[in-house]
PDB file of N, CA and C in Angstrom:
ATOM      1  N   UNK A   1      -8.768 -10.841  -1.875  1.00  0.00           N
ATOM      2  CA  UNK A   1      -8.025 -12.118  -1.959  1.00  0.00           C
ATOM      3  C   UNK A   1      -8.529 -12.727  -0.453  1.00  0.00           C
ATOM      4  N   UNK A   2      -9.726 -13.900  -0.186  1.00  0.00           N
ATOM      5  CA  UNK A   2      -9.610 -14.299   0.946  1.00  0.00           C
ATOM      6  C   UNK A   2      -8.398 -15.358   1.536  1.00  0.00           C
ATOM      7  N   UNK A   3      -7.899 -15.517   2.542  1.00  0.00           N
ATOM      8  CA  UNK A   3      -7.124 -15.967   2.893  1.00  0.00           C
ATOM      9  C   UNK A   3      -7.684 -16.722   4.113  1.00  0.00           C
ATOM     10  N   UNK A   4      -7.496 -17.992   4.136  1.00  0.00           N
ATOM     11  CA  UNK A   4      -8.012 -18.708   5.274  1.00  0.00           C
ATOM     12  C   UNK A   4      -6.598 -19.207   6.182  1.00  0.00           C
ATOM     13  N   UNK A   5      -5.408 -19.337   5.655  1.00  0.00           N
ATOM     14  CA  UNK A   5      -4.266 -19.576   6.070  1.00  0.00           C
ATOM     15  C   UNK A   5      -2.954 -19.277   5.342  1.00  0.00           C
ATOM     16  N   UNK A   6      -1.933 -19.262   6.139  1.00  0.00           N
ATOM     17  CA  UNK A   6      -0.876 -19.144   5.217  1.00  0.00           C
ATOM     18  C   UNK A   6      -0.418 -19.919   3.926  1.00  0.00           C
ATOM     19  N   UNK A   7      -0.828 -21.503   4.364  1.00  0.00           N
ATOM     20  CA  UNK A   7      -0.961 -22.416   3.137  1.00  0.00           C
ATOM     21  C   UNK A   7      -1.591 -22.096   1.827  1.00  0.00           C
ATOM     22  N   UNK A   8      -2.685 -21.828   2.152  1.00  0.00           N
ATOM     23  CA  UNK A   8      -3.651 -21.493   1.261  1.00  0.00           C
ATOM     24  C   UNK A   8      -3.207 -20.173   0.365  1.00  0.00           C
ATOM     25  N   UNK A   9      -2.615 -19.169   1.015  1.00  0.00           N
ATOM     26  CA  UNK A   9      -2.067 -17.916   0.196  1.00  0.00           C
ATOM     27  C   UNK A   9      -0.766 -18.026  -0.368  1.00  0.00           C
ATOM     28  N   UNK A  10       0.108 -19.081  -0.104  1.00  0.00           N
ATOM     29  CA  UNK A  10       1.281 -19.323  -0.794  1.00  0.00           C
ATOM     30  C   UNK A  10       0.866 -20.466  -2.348  1.00  0.00           C
ATOM     31  N   UNK A  11      -0.162 -21.585  -1.972  1.00  0.00           N
ATOM     32  CA  UNK A  11      -0.565 -21.911  -3.219  1.00  0.00           C
ATOM     33  C   UNK A  11      -1.518 -20.947  -4.012  1.00  0.00           C
ATOM     34  N   UNK A  12      -2.153 -19.893  -3.596  1.00  0.00           N
ATOM     35  CA  UNK A  12      -2.636 -19.009  -4.804  1.00  0.00           C
ATOM     36  C   UNK A  12      -1.273 -18.210  -5.338  1.00  0.00           C
ATOM     37  N   UNK A  13      -0.744 -17.625  -4.388  1.00  0.00           N
ATOM     38  CA  UNK A  13       0.471 -16.900  -4.767  1.00  0.00           C
ATOM     39  C   UNK A  13       1.447 -18.013  -6.180  1.00  0.00           C
ATOM     40  N   UNK A  14       1.593 -19.367  -5.808  1.00  0.00           N
ATOM     41  CA  UNK A  14       1.958 -20.118  -6.994  1.00  0.00           C
ATOM     42  C   UNK A  14       1.321 -20.119  -8.178  1.00  0.00           C
ATOM     43  N   UNK A  15      -0.166 -20.580  -8.000  1.00  0.00           N
ATOM     44  CA  UNK A  15      -1.027 -20.303  -8.849  1.00  0.00           C
ATOM     45  C   UNK A  15      -0.693 -19.049  -9.751  1.00  0.00           C
ATOM     46  N   UNK A  16      -0.500 -17.871  -9.281  1.00  0.00           N
ATOM     47  CA  UNK A  16      -1.077 -16.737  -9.978  1.00  0.00           C
ATOM     48  C   UNK A  16       0.725 -16.356 -10.538  1.00  0.00           C
ATOM     49  N   UNK A  17       1.645 -16.959  -9.825  1.00  0.00           N
ATOM     50  CA  UNK A  17       3.143 -16.837 -10.494  1.00  0.00           C
ATOM     51  C   UNK A  17       2.895 -17.605 -12.073  1.00  0.00           C
ATOM     52  N   UNK A  18       2.608 -18.477 -11.896  1.00  0.00           N
ATOM     53  CA  UNK A  18       2.567 -19.270 -13.542  1.00  0.00           C
ATOM     54  C   UNK A  18       1.532 -18.768 -14.135  1.00  0.00           C
ATOM     55  N   UNK A  19       0.513 -17.891 -13.981  1.00  0.00           N
ATOM     56  CA  UNK A  19      -0.651 -17.503 -14.883  1.00  0.00           C
ATOM     57  C   UNK A  19      -0.043 -16.856 -15.987  1.00  0.00           C
ATOM     58  N   UNK A  20      -0.195 -17.223 -17.222  1.00  0.00           N
ATOM     59  CA  UNK A  20       0.620 -16.394 -18.324  1.00  0.00           C
ATOM     60  C   UNK A  20      -0.464 -15.252 -18.387  1.00  0.00           C
ATOM     61  N   UNK A  21      -1.607 -15.507 -18.563  1.00  0.00           N
ATOM     62  CA  UNK A  21      -2.444 -14.378 -18.829  1.00  0.00           C
ATOM     63  C   UNK A  21      -2.372 -13.247 -17.387  1.00  0.00           C
ATOM     64  N   UNK A  22      -2.134 -13.564 -16.477  1.00  0.00           N
ATOM     65  CA  UNK A  22      -1.923 -12.316 -15.603  1.00  0.00           C
ATOM     66  C   UNK A  22      -0.650 -11.881 -15.836  1.00  0.00           C
ATOM     67  N   UNK A  23       0.705 -12.785 -15.917  1.00  0.00           N
ATOM     68  CA  UNK A  23       1.716 -11.805 -16.409  1.00  0.00           C
ATOM     69  C   UNK A  23       2.047 -11.049 -17.499  1.00  0.00           C
ATOM     70  N   UNK A  24       0.924 -11.310 -18.639  1.00  0.00           N
ATOM     71  CA  UNK A  24       0.834 -10.316 -19.893  1.00  0.00           C
ATOM     72  C   UNK A  24       0.087  -9.203 -19.031  1.00  0.00           C
ATOM     73  N   UNK A  25      -0.883  -9.239 -18.467  1.00  0.00           N
ATOM     74  CA  UNK A  25      -1.702  -7.885 -17.823  1.00  0.00           C
ATOM     75  C   UNK A  25      -0.362  -7.229 -17.059  1.00  0.00           C
ATOM     76  N   UNK A  26      -0.193  -7.783 -16.104  1.00  0.00           N
ATOM     77  CA  UNK A  26       0.962  -6.946 -15.270  1.00  0.00           C
ATOM     78  C   UNK A  26       1.881  -6.144 -15.794  1.00  0.00           C
ATOM     79  N   UNK A  27       2.584  -7.487 -16.740  1.00  0.00           N
ATOM     80  CA  UNK A  27       3.613  -6.365 -18.266  1.00  0.00           C
ATOM     81  C   UNK A  27       2.833  -5.149 -18.772  1.00  0.00           C
ATOM     82  N   UNK A  28       1.626  -5.286 -19.265  1.00  0.00           N
ATOM     83  CA  UNK A  28       0.837  -4.027 -20.143  1.00  0.00           C
ATOM     84  C   UNK A  28       0.705  -3.333 -19.041  1.00  0.00           C
ATOM     85  N   UNK A  29       0.341  -3.169 -17.916  1.00  0.00           N
ATOM     86  CA  UNK A  29       0.316  -2.498 -16.722  1.00  0.00           C
ATOM     87  C   UNK A  29       1.567  -1.596 -16.374  1.00  0.00           C
ATOM     88  N   UNK A  30       2.543  -2.179 -16.218  1.00  0.00           N
ATOM     89  CA  UNK A  30       4.055  -1.717 -15.767  1.00  0.00           C
ATOM     90  C   UNK A  30       4.331  -0.629 -17.042  1.00  0.00           C
ATOM     91  N   UNK A  31       4.245  -1.198 -18.499  1.00  0.00           N
ATOM     92  CA  UNK A  31       4.379  -0.615 -19.429  1.00  0.00           C
ATOM     93  C   UNK A  31       3.730   0.713 -19.744  1.00  0.00           C
ATOM     94  N   UNK A  32       2.410   0.631 -19.226  1.00  0.00           N
ATOM     95  CA  UNK A  32       1.524   1.811 -19.254  1.00  0.00           C
ATOM     96  C   UNK A  32       1.857   2.792 -18.025  1.00  0.00           C
ATOM     97  N   UNK A  33       2.111   2.303 -17.108  1.00  0.00           N
ATOM     98  CA  UNK A  33       2.347   3.301 -16.022  1.00  0.00           C
ATOM     99  C   UNK A  33       3.964   3.954 -16.408  1.00  0.00           C
ATOM    100  N   UNK A  34       4.975   3.493 -16.948  1.00  0.00           N
ATOM    101  CA  UNK A  34       5.927   3.978 -17.448  1.00  0.00           C
ATOM    102  C   UNK A  34       5.692   5.251 -18.775  1.00  0.00           C
ATOM    103  N   UNK A  35       4.931   4.505 -19.404  1.00  0.00           N
ATOM    104  CA  UNK A  35       4.566   5.811 -20.430  1.00  0.00           C
ATOM    105  C   UNK A  35       3.903   6.815 -19.861  1.00  0.00           C
ATOM    106  N   UNK A  36       2.695   6.795 -19.023  1.00  0.00           N
ATOM    107  CA  UNK A  36       2.030   7.492 -18.605  1.00  0.00           C
ATOM    108  C   UNK A  36       2.959   8.485 -17.674  1.00  0.00           C
ATOM    109  N   UNK A  37       4.071   8.311 -16.860  1.00  0.00           N
ATOM    110  CA  UNK A  37       4.936   8.751 -16.131  1.00  0.00           C
ATOM    111  C   UNK A  37       5.637   9.491 -16.956  1.00  0.00           C
ATOM    112  N   UNK A  38       6.006   9.264 -18.099  1.00  0.00           N
ATOM    113  CA  UNK A  38       7.255  10.047 -18.630  1.00  0.00           C
ATOM    114  C   UNK A  38       6.101  11.323 -19.552  1.00  0.00           C
ATOM    115  N   UNK A  39       4.751  10.639 -19.799  1.00  0.00           N
ATOM    116  CA  UNK A  39       3.871  11.743 -20.621  1.00  0.00           C
ATOM    117  C   UNK A  39       3.728  12.860 -19.610  1.00  0.00           C
ATOM    118  N   UNK A  40       3.728  12.469 -17.866  1.00  0.00           N
ATOM    119  CA  UNK A  40       3.553  13.362 -17.040  1.00  0.00           C
ATOM    120  C   UNK A  40       4.570  14.451 -16.875  1.00  0.00           C
ATOM    121  N   UNK A  41       5.621  13.721 -16.704  1.00  0.00           N
ATOM    122  CA  UNK A  41       6.878  14.344 -16.823  1.00  0.00           C
ATOM    123  C   UNK A  41       6.906  15.740 -17.688  1.00  0.00           C
ATOM    124  N   UNK A  42       6.362  15.386 -18.978  1.00  0.00           N
ATOM    125  CA  UNK A  42       6.640  16.397 -19.803  1.00  0.00           C
ATOM    126  C   UNK A  42       5.729  17.666 -19.575  1.00  0.00           C
ATOM    127  N   UNK A  43       4.739  17.051 -18.542  1.00  0.00           N
ATOM    128  CA  UNK A  43       3.973  18.602 -18.574  1.00  0.00           C
ATOM    129  C   UNK A  43       4.382  19.683 -17.673  1.00  0.00           C
ATOM    130  N   UNK A  44       5.479  19.263 -16.945  1.00  0.00           N
ATOM    131  CA  UNK A  44       6.091  20.266 -16.137  1.00  0.00           C
ATOM    132  C   UNK A  44       7.214  20.917 -16.584  1.00  0.00           C
ATOM    133  N   UNK A  45       7.046  22.267 -16.739  1.00  0.00           N
ATOM    134  CA  UNK A  45       8.448  23.005 -17.288  1.00  0.00           C
ATOM    135  C   UNK A  45       9.734  23.035 -16.524  1.00  0.00           C
ATOM    136  N   UNK A  46       9.524  23.304 -15.391  1.00  0.00           N
ATOM    137  CA  UNK A  46      10.343  22.947 -14.320  1.00  0.00           C
ATOM    138  C   UNK A  46      10.841  22.095 -13.572  1.00  0.00           C
ATOM    139  N   UNK A  47      11.345  20.838 -14.197  1.00  0.00           N
ATOM    140  CA  UNK A  47      10.826  19.556 -13.108  1.00  0.00           C
ATOM    141  C   UNK A  47      12.258  19.779 -11.940  1.00  0.00           C
ATOM    142  N   UNK A  48      12.960  20.237 -12.008  1.00  0.00           N
ATOM    143  CA  UNK A  48      13.879  20.794 -10.737  1.00  0.00           C
ATOM    144  C   UNK A  48      12.936  21.313  -9.888  1.00  0.00           C
ATOM    145  N   UNK A  49      12.454  22.343 -10.159  1.00  0.00           N
ATOM    146  CA  UNK A  49      11.810  23.090  -8.958  1.00  0.00           C
ATOM    147  C   UNK A  49      10.444  22.079  -8.743  1.00  0.00           C
ATOM    148  N   UNK A  50       9.954  21.441  -9.488  1.00  0.00           N
ATOM    149  CA  UNK A  50       9.017  20.804  -9.057  1.00  0.00           C
ATOM    150  C   UNK A  50       9.516  19.449  -8.195  1.00  0.00           C
ATOM    151  N   UNK A  51      10.538  18.964  -8.336  1.00  0.00           N
ATOM    152  CA  UNK A  51      11.123  17.893  -7.489  1.00  0.00           C
ATOM    153  C   UNK A  51      11.689  17.984  -6.021  1.00  0.00           C
ATOM    154  N   UNK A  52      12.289  19.723  -6.139  1.00  0.00           N
ATOM    155  CA  UNK A  52      12.477  20.658  -4.852  1.00  0.00           C
ATOM    156  C   UNK A  52      11.319  20.711  -4.033  1.00  0.00           C
ATOM    157  N   UNK A  53      10.331  21.165  -4.524  1.00  0.00           N
ATOM    158  CA  UNK A  53       8.981  21.580  -4.065  1.00  0.00           C
ATOM    159  C   UNK A  53       8.323  19.966  -3.061  1.00  0.00           C
ATOM    160  N   UNK A  54       8.529  18.790  -3.961  1.00  0.00           N
ATOM    161  CA  UNK A  54       8.106  17.600  -3.404  1.00  0.00           C
ATOM    162  C   UNK A  54       8.857  17.433  -2.315  1.00  0.00           C
ATOM    163  N   UNK A  55      10.169  17.551  -2.531  1.00  0.00           N
ATOM    164  CA  UNK A  55      11.365  17.196  -1.256  1.00  0.00           C
ATOM    165  C   UNK A  55      10.723  17.754  -0.055  1.00  0.00           C
ATOM    166  N   UNK A  56      10.857  19.062  -0.152  1.00  0.00           N
ATOM    167  CA  UNK A  56      10.130  19.850   1.000  1.00  0.00           C
ATOM    168  C   UNK A  56       8.737  19.878   1.523  1.00  0.00           C
ATOM    169  N   UNK A  57       8.058  19.065   0.813  1.00  0.00           N
ATOM    170  CA  UNK A  57       6.584  18.702   1.151  1.00  0.00           C
ATOM    171  C   UNK A  57       6.419  17.640   1.722  1.00  0.00           C
ATOM    172  N   UNK A  58       7.263  16.360   1.014  1.00  0.00           N
ATOM    173  CA  UNK A  58       7.769  15.246   2.175  1.00  0.00           C
ATOM    174  C   UNK A  58       8.392  15.213   3.501  1.00  0.00           C
ATOM    175  N   UNK A  59       9.451  16.349   3.603  1.00  0.00           N
ATOM    176  CA  UNK A  59       9.925  16.457   4.650  1.00  0.00           C
ATOM    177  C   UNK A  59       9.143  17.188   5.654  1.00  0.00           C
ATOM    178  N   UNK A  60       8.375  18.043   5.077  1.00  0.00           N
ATOM    179  CA  UNK A  60       7.416  18.781   6.483  1.00  0.00           C
ATOM    180  C   UNK A  60       6.265  17.813   6.883  1.00  0.00           C
ATOM    181  N   UNK A  61       5.857  16.836   5.728  1.00  0.00           N
ATOM    182  CA  UNK A  61       4.845  16.111   6.565  1.00  0.00           C
ATOM    183  C   UNK A  61       5.536  14.803   7.490  1.00  0.00           C
ATOM    184  N   UNK A  62       6.623  14.484   7.092  1.00  0.00           N
ATOM    185  CA  UNK A  62       7.767  13.633   8.133  1.00  0.00           C
ATOM    186  C   UNK A  62       7.993  14.440   9.290  1.00  0.00           C
ATOM    187  N   UNK A  63       8.085  15.412   9.593  1.00  0.00           N
ATOM    188  CA  UNK A  63       8.086  16.472  10.754  1.00  0.00           C
ATOM    189  C   UNK A  63       7.132  16.135  11.535  1.00  0.00           C
ATOM    190  N   UNK A  64       5.970  16.480  10.616  1.00  0.00           N
ATOM    191  CA  UNK A  64       4.229  16.512  11.565  1.00  0.00           C
ATOM    192  C   UNK A  64       3.767  15.111  11.474  1.00  0.00           C
ATOM    193  N   UNK A  65       4.510  13.828  10.988  1.00  0.00           N
ATOM    194  CA  UNK A  65       3.691  12.544  11.315  1.00  0.00           C
ATOM    195  C   UNK A  65       3.240  12.269  12.268  1.00  0.00           C
ATOM    196  N   UNK A  66       3.560  12.164  13.490  1.00  0.00           N
ATOM    197  CA  UNK A  66       3.071  11.969  14.504  1.00  0.00           C
ATOM    198  C   UNK A  66       1.607  12.694  14.893  1.00  0.00           C
ATOM    199  N   UNK A  67       1.290  14.065  14.514  1.00  0.00           N
ATOM    200  CA  UNK A  67      -0.001  14.635  14.580  1.00  0.00           C
ATOM    201  C   UNK A  67      -0.883  13.943  13.381  1.00  0.00           C
ATOM    202  N   UNK A  68      -0.444  13.974  12.287  1.00  0.00           N
ATOM    203  CA  UNK A  68      -1.132  13.656  11.386  1.00  0.00           C
ATOM    204  C   UNK A  68      -1.921  12.395  11.596  1.00  0.00           C
ATOM    205  N   UNK A  69      -1.022  11.354  12.177  1.00  0.00           N
ATOM    206  CA  UNK A  69      -1.223   9.761  12.559  1.00  0.00           C
ATOM    207  C   UNK A  69      -2.534  10.061  13.402  1.00  0.00           C
ATOM    208  N   UNK A  70      -1.952  10.776  14.709  1.00  0.00           N
ATOM    209  CA  UNK A  70      -3.025  10.775  15.729  1.00  0.00           C
ATOM    210  C   UNK A  70      -4.573  11.391  15.110  1.00  0.00           C
ATOM    211  N   UNK A  71      -4.570  12.568  14.062  1.00  0.00           N
ATOM    212  CA  UNK A  71      -5.637  13.074  13.948  1.00  0.00           C
ATOM    213  C   UNK A  71      -6.330  11.848  13.021  1.00  0.00           C
ATOM    214  N   UNK A  72      -5.449  11.097  12.044  1.00  0.00           N
ATOM    215  CA  UNK A  72      -6.264   9.936  11.053  1.00  0.00           C
ATOM    216  C   UNK A  72      -6.704   8.935  12.266  1.00  0.00           C
ATOM    217  N   UNK A  73      -6.221   8.691  13.372  1.00  0.00           N
ATOM    218  CA  UNK A  73      -6.686   7.796  14.142  1.00  0.00           C
ATOM    219  C   UNK A  73      -7.921   8.269  14.874  1.00  0.00           C
ATOM    220  N   UNK A  74      -7.829   9.548  15.185  1.00  0.00           N
ATOM    221  CA  UNK A  74      -9.324  10.124  15.777  1.00  0.00           C
ATOM    222  C   UNK A  74     -10.253  10.248  14.572  1.00  0.00           C
ATOM    223  N   UNK A  75     -10.268  10.482  13.590  1.00  0.00           N
ATOM    224  CA  UNK A  75     -11.343  10.477  12.579  1.00  0.00           C
ATOM    225  C   UNK A  75     -11.712   9.029  12.247  1.00  0.00           C
ATOM    226  N   UNK A  76     -10.672   8.025  11.951  1.00  0.00           N
ATOM    227  CA  UNK A  76     -11.177   6.787  11.843  1.00  0.00           C
ATOM    228  C   UNK A  76     -11.787   6.172  13.033  1.00  0.00           C
ATOM    229  N   UNK A  77     -11.552   6.301  14.034  1.00  0.00           N
ATOM    230  CA  UNK A  77     -12.264   5.812  15.432  1.00  0.00           C
ATOM    231  C   UNK A  77     -13.655   6.309  15.201  1.00  0.00           C
ATOM    232  N   UNK A  78     -14.198   7.524  15.131  1.00  0.00           N
ATOM    233  CA  UNK A  78     -15.112   8.162  15.182  1.00  0.00           C
ATOM    234  C   UNK A  78     -15.780   7.495  14.181  1.00  0.00           C
ATOM    235  N   UNK A  79     -15.337   7.306  12.776  1.00  0.00           N
ATOM    236  CA  UNK A  79     -15.891   6.553  11.923  1.00  0.00           C
ATOM    237  C   UNK A  79     -16.181   5.156  11.987  1.00  0.00           C
ATOM    238  N   UNK A  80     -15.985   4.954  13.416  1.00  0.00           N
ATOM    239  CA  UNK A  80     -16.311   3.471  13.485  1.00  0.00           C
ATOM    240  C   UNK A  80     -15.221   2.401  13.200  1.00  0.00           C
ATOM    241  N   UNK A  81     -13.881   2.641  12.909  1.00  0.00           N
ATOM    242  CA  UNK A  81     -12.776   2.095  12.510  1.00  0.00           C
ATOM    243  C   UNK A  81     -12.235   1.759  13.866  1.00  0.00           C
ATOM    244  N   UNK A  82     -11.260   0.829  13.652  1.00  0.00           N
ATOM    245  CA  UNK A  82     -10.218   0.604  14.737  1.00  0.00           C
ATOM    246  C   UNK A  82      -8.594   0.797  14.397  1.00  0.00           C
ATOM    247  N   UNK A  83      -7.927   1.260  15.179  1.00  0.00           N
ATOM    248  CA  UNK A  83      -6.648   1.503  14.492  1.00  0.00           C
ATOM    249  C   UNK A  83      -5.419   0.423  15.335  1.00  0.00           C
ATOM    250  N   UNK A  84      -4.949  -0.125  14.838  1.00  0.00           N
ATOM    251  CA  UNK A  84      -3.728  -0.725  15.704  1.00  0.00           C
ATOM    252  C   UNK A  84      -2.837  -0.497  15.270  1.00  0.00           C
ATOM    253  N   UNK A  85      -1.771  -0.271  16.763  1.00  0.00           N
ATOM    254  CA  UNK A  85      -0.445   0.464  16.459  1.00  0.00           C
ATOM    255  C   UNK A  85       0.590  -0.906  16.902  1.00  0.00           C
ATOM    256  N   UNK A  86       1.763  -0.667  15.852  1.00  0.00           N
ATOM    257  CA  UNK A  86       2.762  -1.378  16.491  1.00  0.00           C
ATOM    258  C   UNK A  86       3.990  -1.051  16.338  1.00  0.00           C
ATOM    259  N   UNK A  87       4.944  -1.202  17.253  1.00  0.00           N
ATOM    260  CA  UNK A  87       6.054  -1.179  17.394  1.00  0.00           C
ATOM    261  C   UNK A  87       7.351  -0.999  16.491  1.00  0.00           C
ATOM    262  N   UNK A  88       7.177  -2.650  15.440  1.00  0.00           N
ATOM    263  CA  UNK A  88       8.182  -2.487  14.710  1.00  0.00           C
ATOM    264  C   UNK A  88       7.501  -3.432  13.554  1.00  0.00           C
ATOM    265  N   UNK A  89       7.995  -3.687  12.368  1.00  0.00           N
ATOM    266  CA  UNK A  89       7.312  -4.664  11.221  1.00  0.00           C
ATOM    267  C   UNK A  89       6.920  -5.903  12.072  1.00  0.00           C
ATOM    268  N   UNK A  90       7.567  -6.628  12.738  1.00  0.00           N
ATOM    269  CA  UNK A  90       7.211  -7.996  13.038  1.00  0.00           C
ATOM    270  C   UNK A  90       6.105  -7.753  13.780  1.00  0.00           C
ATOM    271  N   UNK A  91       5.781  -6.734  14.894  1.00  0.00           N
ATOM    272  CA  UNK A  91       4.685  -6.709  15.349  1.00  0.00           C
ATOM    273  C   UNK A  91       3.632  -6.643  14.498  1.00  0.00           C
ATOM    274  N   UNK A  92       3.635  -5.595  13.313  1.00  0.00           N
ATOM    275  CA  UNK A  92       2.772  -5.448  12.330  1.00  0.00           C
ATOM    276  C   UNK A  92       2.255  -6.720  11.914  1.00  0.00           C
ATOM    277  N   UNK A  93       3.283  -7.318  11.685  1.00  0.00           N
ATOM    278  CA  UNK A  93       2.794  -8.980  10.586  1.00  0.00           C
ATOM    279  C   UNK A  93       2.203  -9.430  11.563  1.00  0.00           C
ATOM    280  N   UNK A  94       2.314  -9.623  12.807  1.00  0.00           N
ATOM    281  CA  UNK A  94       1.698 -10.735  13.907  1.00  0.00           C
ATOM    282  C   UNK A  94       0.209 -10.079  13.767  1.00  0.00           C
ATOM    283  N   UNK A  95       0.037  -8.980  14.258  1.00  0.00           N
ATOM    284  CA  UNK A  95      -0.966  -8.334  14.398  1.00  0.00           C
ATOM    285  C   UNK A  95      -2.076  -8.634  13.087  1.00  0.00           C
ATOM    286  N   UNK A  96      -1.505  -8.597  11.953  1.00  0.00           N
ATOM    287  CA  UNK A  96      -2.139  -8.661  10.751  1.00  0.00           C
ATOM    288  C   UNK A  96      -2.826 -10.293  10.402  1.00  0.00           C
ATOM    289  N   UNK A  97      -1.779 -11.033  10.852  1.00  0.00           N
ATOM    290  CA  UNK A  97      -1.885 -12.782  10.765  1.00  0.00           C
ATOM    291  C   UNK A  97      -3.129 -13.165  11.995  1.00  0.00           C
ATOM    292  N   UNK A  98      -2.991 -11.989  12.962  1.00  0.00           N
ATOM    293  CA  UNK A  98      -4.171 -12.454  14.167  1.00  0.00           C
ATOM    294  C   UNK A  98      -5.382 -12.130  13.467  1.00  0.00           C
ATOM    295  N   UNK A  99      -5.627 -10.904  12.966  1.00  0.00           N
ATOM    296  CA  UNK A  99      -6.998 -10.707  12.225  1.00  0.00           C
ATOM    297  C   UNK A  99      -7.219 -11.525  11.163  1.00  0.00           C
ATOM    298  N   UNK A 100      -6.435 -11.930  10.466  1.00  0.00           N
ATOM    299  CA  UNK A 100      -6.726 -13.101   9.402  1.00  0.00           C
ATOM    300  C   UNK A 100      -7.146 -14.387  10.044  1.00  0.00           C
ATOM    301  N   UNK A 101      -6.572 -14.592  11.155  1.00  0.00           N
ATOM    302  CA  UNK A 101      -7.082 -15.741  11.657  1.00  0.00           C
ATOM    303  C   UNK A 101      -8.134 -15.847  12.467  1.00  0.00           C
ATOM    304  N   UNK A 102      -8.743 -14.536  12.861  1.00  0.00           N
ATOM    305  CA  UNK A 102      -9.902 -14.315  13.730  1.00  0.00           C
ATOM    306  C   UNK A 102     -11.145 -14.176  12.763  1.00  0.00           C
ATOM    307  N   UNK A 103     -10.727 -13.819  11.308  1.00  0.00           N
ATOM    308  CA  UNK A 103     -11.939 -13.232  10.385  1.00  0.00           C
ATOM    309  C   UNK A 103     -11.195 -14.267   9.356  1.00  0.00           C
ATOM    310  N   UNK A 104     -11.483 -15.531   9.431  1.00  0.00           N
ATOM    311  CA  UNK A 104     -10.758 -16.150   7.945  1.00  0.00           C
ATOM    312  C   UNK A 104     -11.510 -15.965   6.645  1.00  0.00           C
ATOM    313  N   UNK A 105     -13.128 -15.615   6.741  1.00  0.00           N
ATOM    314  CA  UNK A 105     -13.565 -15.356   5.621  1.00  0.00           C
ATOM    315  C   UNK A 105     -13.632 -13.949   5.101  1.00  0.00           C
ATOM    316  N   UNK A 106     -12.855 -13.109   5.831  1.00  0.00           N
ATOM    317  CA  UNK A 106     -12.609 -11.741   5.109  1.00  0.00           C
ATOM    318  C   UNK A 106     -11.644 -11.458   3.755  1.00  0.00           C
ATOM    319  N   UNK A 107     -11.771 -10.433   3.278  1.00  0.00           N
ATOM    320  CA  UNK A 107     -10.917 -10.329   2.275  1.00  0.00           C
ATOM    321  C   UNK A 107      -9.884  -9.317   2.667  1.00  0.00           C
ATOM    322  N   UNK A 108      -8.711  -9.586   2.209  1.00  0.00           N
ATOM    323  CA  UNK A 108      -7.635  -9.091   2.232  1.00  0.00           C
ATOM    324  C   UNK A 108      -7.380  -8.116   1.364  1.00  0.00           C
ATOM    325  N   UNK A 109      -6.904  -6.908   1.238  1.00  0.00           N
ATOM    326  CA  UNK A 109      -6.584  -5.885   0.318  1.00  0.00           C
ATOM    327  C   UNK A 109      -5.268  -5.555   0.796  1.00  0.00           C
TER     328      UNK A 109
END
């Protein structure tokens, strides 16, 4: 979605919110995701162990998140990208808005 400014975004959002076709598509997607999730859960014979393993892996990733982020930054930068760091959500939002203002014809995903 190309954003020129906050007003344009809000106008597009209002249009999307009142779009019946979009609402039906989203409702269908939500139903499909729920059904697919239920189907996937039945593939695990021991769901409790799977959940415990997932929780363990999440904890291990969080313990080393700083290392993973630095590794990502190094690889992304080497590929020509630029990583912007923010101390909090407010600063992150400010940086994103600054990029939108700097590149008004860009696509935001």
